[in-house]
Amino acid sequence: MARAVWKGPFVEESLMKKVDKYKDDPKKIPIKTWSRKSTILPDFVGVSFQIYNGKKFIPITISEDMVGHKLGEFSPTRTFYGHTPADKKAKPAEKK
């Protein structure tokens, strides 16, 4: 079920404060966040985030196409090893 229109999009207050600071900061250090449920607003375009997926932080830079989606949509929590034939078992991908 979608969020009511009259409530507006959900964004953590602390995340909004960090985005406002990011705009004024000349260093442009990526914002670390655990708030995967926050909606991406037009104010976030051009801001760099590091979104936690449960294991590590995934670096993301927000573009105009991402507005309206949730932050969690861009940091997958599961590792896809690919489809295998029915007679073979799935093997984890080799690390380089």
Protein backbone atom coordinates (compact mmCIF):
# COMPACT_ATOMS: atom_id res chain seq x y z
CA MET A 1 0.00 0.00 0.00
CA ALA A 2 1.33 3.43 -0.96
CA ARG A 3 1.84 6.35 1.39
CA ALA A 4 -0.99 8.91 1.54
CA VAL A 5 -0.46 11.86 -0.81
CA TRP A 6 -1.37 14.43 1.83
CA LYS A 7 1.47 13.16 4.07
CA GLY A 8 4.13 13.66 1.40
CA PRO A 9 7.24 11.53 0.85
CA PHE A 10 9.03 10.04 3.87
CA VAL A 11 12.57 11.25 4.52
CA GLU A 12 14.47 10.94 7.82
CA GLU A 13 14.86 14.37 9.42
CA SER A 14 18.51 13.69 10.23
CA LEU A 15 19.16 12.84 6.57
CA MET A 16 17.62 16.14 5.43
CA LYS A 17 19.90 18.02 7.83
CA LYS A 18 22.94 16.17 6.46
CA VAL A 19 21.94 17.00 2.86
CA ASP A 20 21.58 20.69 3.74
CA LYS A 21 25.08 20.64 5.30
CA TYR A 22 26.46 18.80 2.25
CA LYS A 23 25.29 21.57 -0.09
CA ASP A 24 27.26 24.19 1.91
CA ASP A 25 30.36 22.03 2.55
CA PRO A 26 33.20 22.51 0.02
CA LYS A 27 34.73 19.06 0.79
CA LYS A 28 31.71 17.08 -0.55
CA ILE A 29 32.32 14.00 1.62
CA PRO A 30 29.67 11.30 0.86
CA ILE A 31 26.84 11.01 3.40
CA LYS A 32 26.71 7.64 5.20
CA THR A 33 23.16 6.49 5.83
CA TRP A 34 21.31 3.46 7.12
CA SER A 35 17.93 4.91 6.08
CA ARG A 36 17.04 2.73 3.11
CA LYS A 37 13.36 3.63 3.48
CA SER A 38 13.85 7.34 2.75
CA THR A 39 12.47 8.67 -0.53
CA ILE A 40 14.82 10.51 -2.90
CA LEU A 41 13.78 14.14 -3.31
CA PRO A 42 14.80 16.63 -6.04
CA ASP A 43 17.02 18.32 -3.41
CA PHE A 44 19.20 15.17 -3.35
CA VAL A 45 20.28 15.42 -7.03
CA GLY A 46 24.07 15.57 -7.23
CA VAL A 47 24.57 14.44 -3.62
CA SER A 48 26.80 11.40 -2.93
CA PHE A 49 25.52 8.80 -0.47
CA GLN A 50 26.93 5.64 1.02
CA ILE A 51 23.91 3.40 1.64
CA TYR A 52 24.23 0.46 4.04
CA ASN A 53 23.00 -2.87 2.65
CA GLY A 54 23.42 -4.89 5.85
CA LYS A 55 27.04 -5.79 5.19
CA LYS A 56 28.82 -2.82 3.64
CA PHE A 57 28.22 0.71 2.36
CA ILE A 58 27.41 1.05 -1.35
CA PRO A 59 28.50 4.40 -2.91
CA ILE A 60 25.74 6.11 -4.93
CA THR A 61 25.51 9.55 -6.58
CA ILE A 62 21.92 10.70 -7.03
CA SER A 63 20.76 11.63 -10.55
CA GLU A 64 17.47 13.08 -11.78
CA ASP A 65 16.19 9.64 -12.84
CA MET A 66 16.32 8.42 -9.22
CA VAL A 67 13.89 11.03 -7.84
CA GLY A 68 10.80 9.41 -6.33
CA HIS A 69 12.48 6.06 -5.62
CA LYS A 70 13.73 4.82 -2.25
CA LEU A 71 17.44 4.84 -1.32
CA GLY A 72 17.32 1.09 -0.64
CA GLU A 73 16.47 0.33 -4.26
CA PHE A 74 20.01 1.26 -5.29
CA SER A 75 21.92 -0.87 -2.77
CA PRO A 76 21.07 -4.56 -3.29
CA THR A 77 21.12 -6.75 -0.19
CA ARG A 78 21.47 -10.09 -1.95
CA THR A 79 24.27 -11.43 -4.13
CA PHE A 80 23.16 -12.89 -7.46
CA TYR A 81 25.39 -15.74 -8.63
CA GLY A 82 23.53 -16.36 -11.89
CA HIS A 83 21.20 -19.04 -13.18
CA THR A 84 22.63 -22.53 -13.50
CA PRO A 85 21.44 -25.68 -15.25
CA ALA A 86 19.23 -27.98 -13.16
CA ASP A 87 21.92 -30.69 -12.87
CA LYS A 88 24.57 -28.37 -11.37
CA LYS A 89 24.58 -26.63 -8.01
CA ALA A 90 25.13 -22.87 -7.81
CA LYS A 91 28.71 -21.90 -7.04
CA PRO A 92 29.67 -18.57 -5.49
CA ALA A 93 31.45 -16.17 -7.81
CA GLU A 94 35.22 -16.15 -7.51
CA LYS A 95 36.79 -13.15 -5.82
CA LYS A 96 39.59 -11.38 -7.63
